[in-house]
């Protein structure tokens, strides 16, 4: 029952903020190189930017926009501003 409950919470969190499509992003700040990969329904973003003062968040939006070939204005961090795991909304 605990597994069903935690899955339901994750789904319901994504549903709450839906104006577009939500994606889950795992971030590695201070990486050796900038890179984006998609594996197992997660986007992995490696950024050279530090996690201080929101610099990594800005870099994550930039790198995702390049990878997905959409404007930066169409991406918004909804959850996880100070976390490695983020929910990013793609606004259409």
C-alpha atoms as a PDB file:
ATOM      1  CA  UNK A   1       0.000   0.000   0.000  1.00  0.00           C
ATOM      2  CA  UNK A   2       2.922   2.350   0.661  1.00  0.00           C
ATOM      3  CA  UNK A   3       4.123   1.990  -2.936  1.00  0.00           C
ATOM      4  CA  UNK A   4       0.711   2.843  -4.337  1.00  0.00           C
ATOM      5  CA  UNK A   5       0.422   5.819  -1.986  1.00  0.00           C
ATOM      6  CA  UNK A   6       3.830   7.275  -2.916  1.00  0.00           C
ATOM      7  CA  UNK A   7       3.156   6.747  -6.636  1.00  0.00           C
ATOM      8  CA  UNK A   8      -0.173   8.495  -6.274  1.00  0.00           C
ATOM      9  CA  UNK A   9       1.504  11.457  -4.545  1.00  0.00           C
ATOM     10  CA  UNK A  10       4.059  11.811  -7.338  1.00  0.00           C
ATOM     11  CA  UNK A  11       1.343  11.682  -9.981  1.00  0.00           C
ATOM     12  CA  UNK A  12      -0.893  14.103  -8.129  1.00  0.00           C
ATOM     13  CA  UNK A  13       1.982  16.602  -7.706  1.00  0.00           C
ATOM     14  CA  UNK A  14       2.495  16.635 -11.467  1.00  0.00           C
ATOM     15  CA  UNK A  15      -1.233  17.000 -12.057  1.00  0.00           C
ATOM     16  CA  UNK A  16      -1.535  20.007  -9.724  1.00  0.00           C
ATOM     17  CA  UNK A  17       0.796  22.178 -11.779  1.00  0.00           C
ATOM     18  CA  UNK A  18      -0.277  21.140 -15.238  1.00  0.00           C
ATOM     19  CA  UNK A  19      -0.707  23.952 -17.742  1.00  0.00           C
ATOM     20  CA  UNK A  20       1.552  22.209 -20.210  1.00  0.00           C
ATOM     21  CA  UNK A  21       3.610  19.078 -19.821  1.00  0.00           C
ATOM     22  CA  UNK A  22       5.798  18.361 -16.785  1.00  0.00           C
ATOM     23  CA  UNK A  23       9.152  16.600 -16.992  1.00  0.00           C
ATOM     24  CA  UNK A  24      11.408  15.388 -14.200  1.00  0.00           C
ATOM     25  CA  UNK A  25      14.998  16.592 -14.304  1.00  0.00           C
ATOM     26  CA  UNK A  26      18.005  15.426 -12.284  1.00  0.00           C
ATOM     27  CA  UNK A  27      20.741  18.066 -12.127  1.00  0.00           C
ATOM     28  CA  UNK A  28      24.480  17.732 -11.590  1.00  0.00           C
ATOM     29  CA  UNK A  29      25.970  21.174 -10.943  1.00  0.00           C
ATOM     30  CA  UNK A  30      29.705  21.910 -11.226  1.00  0.00           C
ATOM     31  CA  UNK A  31      30.064  19.192 -13.869  1.00  0.00           C
ATOM     32  CA  UNK A  32      33.094  18.944 -16.151  1.00  0.00           C
ATOM     33  CA  UNK A  33      30.961  19.667 -19.224  1.00  0.00           C
ATOM     34  CA  UNK A  34      27.438  20.728 -20.116  1.00  0.00           C
ATOM     35  CA  UNK A  35      25.314  17.800 -21.225  1.00  0.00           C
ATOM     36  CA  UNK A  36      21.685  16.607 -21.371  1.00  0.00           C
ATOM     37  CA  UNK A  37      20.593  12.972 -21.565  1.00  0.00           C
ATOM     38  CA  UNK A  38      17.199  11.285 -21.452  1.00  0.00           C
ATOM     39  CA  UNK A  39      17.050   7.866 -19.756  1.00  0.00           C
ATOM     40  CA  UNK A  40      14.284   5.986 -17.950  1.00  0.00           C
ATOM     41  CA  UNK A  41      11.755   8.836 -18.237  1.00  0.00           C
ATOM     42  CA  UNK A  42      14.201  11.305 -16.623  1.00  0.00           C
ATOM     43  CA  UNK A  43      16.238  14.120 -18.095  1.00  0.00           C
ATOM     44  CA  UNK A  44      19.774  14.254 -16.695  1.00  0.00           C
ATOM     45  CA  UNK A  45      21.299  17.715 -16.994  1.00  0.00           C
ATOM     46  CA  UNK A  46      24.995  18.204 -16.242  1.00  0.00           C
ATOM     47  CA  UNK A  47      25.957  21.853 -15.996  1.00  0.00           C
ATOM     48  CA  UNK A  48      29.270  23.553 -15.378  1.00  0.00           C
ATOM     49  CA  UNK A  49      27.456  26.310 -13.472  1.00  0.00           C
ATOM     50  CA  UNK A  50      27.586  26.315  -9.666  1.00  0.00           C
ATOM     51  CA  UNK A  51      24.415  25.746  -7.675  1.00  0.00           C
ATOM     52  CA  UNK A  52      24.802  29.098  -5.895  1.00  0.00           C
ATOM     53  CA  UNK A  53      22.517  32.074  -6.543  1.00  0.00           C
ATOM     54  CA  UNK A  54      20.337  30.102  -8.989  1.00  0.00           C
ATOM     55  CA  UNK A  55      23.058  29.950 -11.647  1.00  0.00           C
ATOM     56  CA  UNK A  56      22.577  26.206 -12.170  1.00  0.00           C
ATOM     57  CA  UNK A  57      18.799  26.690 -12.554  1.00  0.00           C
ATOM     58  CA  UNK A  58      19.362  29.270 -15.290  1.00  0.00           C
ATOM     59  CA  UNK A  59      21.788  26.902 -16.992  1.00  0.00           C
ATOM     60  CA  UNK A  60      19.317  23.995 -16.716  1.00  0.00           C
ATOM     61  CA  UNK A  61      16.635  26.017 -18.528  1.00  0.00           C
ATOM     62  CA  UNK A  62      19.118  27.044 -21.221  1.00  0.00           C
ATOM     63  CA  UNK A  63      20.471  23.512 -21.759  1.00  0.00           C
ATOM     64  CA  UNK A  64      17.002  21.946 -21.824  1.00  0.00           C
ATOM     65  CA  UNK A  65      15.797  24.529 -24.346  1.00  0.00           C
ATOM     66  CA  UNK A  66      18.736  23.691 -26.608  1.00  0.00           C
ATOM     67  CA  UNK A  67      18.206  19.942 -26.209  1.00  0.00           C
ATOM     68  CA  UNK A  68      14.423  20.078 -26.754  1.00  0.00           C
ATOM     69  CA  UNK A  69      14.714  22.780 -29.439  1.00  0.00           C
ATOM     70  CA  UNK A  70      12.131  25.044 -27.813  1.00  0.00           C
ATOM     71  CA  UNK A  71      12.382  28.647 -26.560  1.00  0.00           C
ATOM     72  CA  UNK A  72      13.593  29.203 -22.999  1.00  0.00           C
ATOM     73  CA  UNK A  73      10.398  31.144 -22.284  1.00  0.00           C
ATOM     74  CA  UNK A  74       8.473  27.870 -22.725  1.00  0.00           C
ATOM     75  CA  UNK A  75      10.277  26.212 -19.787  1.00  0.00           C
ATOM     76  CA  UNK A  76       9.581  26.925 -16.129  1.00  0.00           C
ATOM     77  CA  UNK A  77      10.898  25.221 -12.989  1.00  0.00           C
ATOM     78  CA  UNK A  78       7.825  24.325 -10.931  1.00  0.00           C
ATOM     79  CA  UNK A  79       9.372  22.290  -8.091  1.00  0.00           C
ATOM     80  CA  UNK A  80      12.897  21.782  -6.782  1.00  0.00           C
ATOM     81  CA  UNK A  81      14.493  25.232  -6.982  1.00  0.00           C
ATOM     82  CA  UNK A  82      17.045  24.207  -4.337  1.00  0.00           C
ATOM     83  CA  UNK A  83      17.143  20.503  -5.115  1.00  0.00           C
ATOM     84  CA  UNK A  84      18.926  18.255  -7.614  1.00  0.00           C
ATOM     85  CA  UNK A  85      15.559  16.792  -8.604  1.00  0.00           C
ATOM     86  CA  UNK A  86      13.320  19.291 -10.360  1.00  0.00           C
ATOM     87  CA  UNK A  87       9.961  19.343 -12.084  1.00  0.00           C
ATOM     88  CA  UNK A  88      10.067  21.522 -15.181  1.00  0.00           C
ATOM     89  CA  UNK A  89       6.929  22.582 -17.009  1.00  0.00           C
ATOM     90  CA  UNK A  90       6.948  22.832 -20.796  1.00  0.00           C
ATOM     91  CA  UNK A  91       4.455  25.544 -21.736  1.00  0.00           C
ATOM     92  CA  UNK A  92       3.005  25.395 -25.240  1.00  0.00           C
END
